[in-house]
């Protein structure tokens, strides 16, 4: 209100915040070692370029594990 002389409201973007957990829990559960995997978290859809990511991973032949995840819900 001070800067523009108008009242404002906050419209959240619907992201739920979850309890933080140690990264080691996930690494242990899936047998991952620190720095030896590539992680993608997000929707798997054409506009996100996920297929490009997979194709690039295959061509790179890094020897690292590829992990994908998605938001819960």
C-alpha atoms as a PDB file:
ATOM      1  CA  UNK A   1       0.000   0.000   0.000  1.00  0.00           C
ATOM      2  CA  UNK A   2       2.883   2.336   0.720  1.00  0.00           C
ATOM      3  CA  UNK A   3       4.513   2.193  -2.694  1.00  0.00           C
ATOM      4  CA  UNK A   4       1.511   2.218  -5.035  1.00  0.00           C
ATOM      5  CA  UNK A   5      -1.277   3.470  -2.822  1.00  0.00           C
ATOM      6  CA  UNK A   6      -3.380   0.349  -3.381  1.00  0.00           C
ATOM      7  CA  UNK A   7      -4.245  -2.611  -1.199  1.00  0.00           C
ATOM      8  CA  UNK A   8      -2.921  -5.952  -2.381  1.00  0.00           C
ATOM      9  CA  UNK A   9      -3.641  -9.610  -1.730  1.00  0.00           C
ATOM     10  CA  UNK A  10      -1.479 -12.686  -1.970  1.00  0.00           C
ATOM     11  CA  UNK A  11      -2.624 -15.447  -4.323  1.00  0.00           C
ATOM     12  CA  UNK A  12      -0.492 -18.536  -3.580  1.00  0.00           C
ATOM     13  CA  UNK A  13       0.571 -20.764  -6.464  1.00  0.00           C
ATOM     14  CA  UNK A  14      -0.824 -23.926  -4.847  1.00  0.00           C
ATOM     15  CA  UNK A  15       2.540 -25.429  -3.888  1.00  0.00           C
ATOM     16  CA  UNK A  16       2.365 -27.498  -0.750  1.00  0.00           C
ATOM     17  CA  UNK A  17       5.437 -27.481   1.436  1.00  0.00           C
ATOM     18  CA  UNK A  18       6.401 -30.784   2.957  1.00  0.00           C
ATOM     19  CA  UNK A  19       8.508 -31.701   5.925  1.00  0.00           C
ATOM     20  CA  UNK A  20      12.197 -31.570   5.044  1.00  0.00           C
ATOM     21  CA  UNK A  21      14.015 -34.871   5.117  1.00  0.00           C
ATOM     22  CA  UNK A  22      17.676 -35.706   4.885  1.00  0.00           C
ATOM     23  CA  UNK A  23      18.886 -36.405   1.340  1.00  0.00           C
ATOM     24  CA  UNK A  24      20.657 -39.487   2.650  1.00  0.00           C
ATOM     25  CA  UNK A  25      17.271 -41.181   3.219  1.00  0.00           C
ATOM     26  CA  UNK A  26      16.496 -41.106  -0.496  1.00  0.00           C
ATOM     27  CA  UNK A  27      20.022 -42.095  -1.534  1.00  0.00           C
ATOM     28  CA  UNK A  28      19.966 -45.082   0.827  1.00  0.00           C
ATOM     29  CA  UNK A  29      16.475 -46.193  -0.244  1.00  0.00           C
ATOM     30  CA  UNK A  30      17.390 -46.253  -3.946  1.00  0.00           C
ATOM     31  CA  UNK A  31      21.070 -47.197  -3.702  1.00  0.00           C
ATOM     32  CA  UNK A  32      22.389 -43.874  -4.974  1.00  0.00           C
ATOM     33  CA  UNK A  33      25.793 -42.424  -4.169  1.00  0.00           C
ATOM     34  CA  UNK A  34      26.345 -38.687  -3.868  1.00  0.00           C
ATOM     35  CA  UNK A  35      27.375 -37.158  -7.194  1.00  0.00           C
ATOM     36  CA  UNK A  36      26.731 -40.345  -9.170  1.00  0.00           C
ATOM     37  CA  UNK A  37      23.248 -39.682 -10.495  1.00  0.00           C
ATOM     38  CA  UNK A  38      21.286 -37.166 -12.537  1.00  0.00           C
ATOM     39  CA  UNK A  39      17.970 -36.131 -11.031  1.00  0.00           C
ATOM     40  CA  UNK A  40      14.947 -34.650 -12.813  1.00  0.00           C
ATOM     41  CA  UNK A  41      11.886 -33.724 -10.779  1.00  0.00           C
ATOM     42  CA  UNK A  42       8.830 -32.339 -12.517  1.00  0.00           C
ATOM     43  CA  UNK A  43       5.906 -33.153 -14.707  1.00  0.00           C
ATOM     44  CA  UNK A  44       6.652 -35.487 -17.567  1.00  0.00           C
ATOM     45  CA  UNK A  45       5.071 -33.618 -20.464  1.00  0.00           C
ATOM     46  CA  UNK A  46       6.128 -32.398 -23.922  1.00  0.00           C
ATOM     47  CA  UNK A  47       6.423 -28.731 -22.932  1.00  0.00           C
ATOM     48  CA  UNK A  48       8.902 -29.597 -20.162  1.00  0.00           C
ATOM     49  CA  UNK A  49      11.310 -31.190 -22.661  1.00  0.00           C
ATOM     50  CA  UNK A  50      11.592 -34.426 -20.701  1.00  0.00           C
ATOM     51  CA  UNK A  51      12.117 -36.506 -23.843  1.00  0.00           C
ATOM     52  CA  UNK A  52      14.988 -34.200 -24.850  1.00  0.00           C
ATOM     53  CA  UNK A  53      16.522 -34.776 -21.429  1.00  0.00           C
ATOM     54  CA  UNK A  54      16.266 -38.567 -21.806  1.00  0.00           C
ATOM     55  CA  UNK A  55      17.725 -38.436 -25.315  1.00  0.00           C
ATOM     56  CA  UNK A  56      20.618 -36.276 -24.112  1.00  0.00           C
ATOM     57  CA  UNK A  57      21.250 -38.649 -21.213  1.00  0.00           C
ATOM     58  CA  UNK A  58      21.424 -41.629 -23.571  1.00  0.00           C
ATOM     59  CA  UNK A  59      23.811 -39.851 -25.934  1.00  0.00           C
ATOM     60  CA  UNK A  60      26.067 -38.629 -23.111  1.00  0.00           C
ATOM     61  CA  UNK A  61      26.798 -42.172 -21.857  1.00  0.00           C
ATOM     62  CA  UNK A  62      28.004 -40.818 -18.521  1.00  0.00           C
ATOM     63  CA  UNK A  63      27.617 -44.055 -16.601  1.00  0.00           C
ATOM     64  CA  UNK A  64      25.602 -42.180 -13.985  1.00  0.00           C
ATOM     65  CA  UNK A  65      22.140 -43.308 -12.961  1.00  0.00           C
ATOM     66  CA  UNK A  66      19.182 -41.284 -14.193  1.00  0.00           C
ATOM     67  CA  UNK A  67      16.430 -40.671 -11.648  1.00  0.00           C
ATOM     68  CA  UNK A  68      13.071 -39.092 -12.275  1.00  0.00           C
ATOM     69  CA  UNK A  69      10.475 -37.970  -9.836  1.00  0.00           C
ATOM     70  CA  UNK A  70       7.299 -36.006  -9.888  1.00  0.00           C
ATOM     71  CA  UNK A  71       5.495 -33.792  -7.457  1.00  0.00           C
ATOM     72  CA  UNK A  72       3.173 -35.711  -5.148  1.00  0.00           C
ATOM     73  CA  UNK A  73      -0.504 -35.363  -5.745  1.00  0.00           C
END
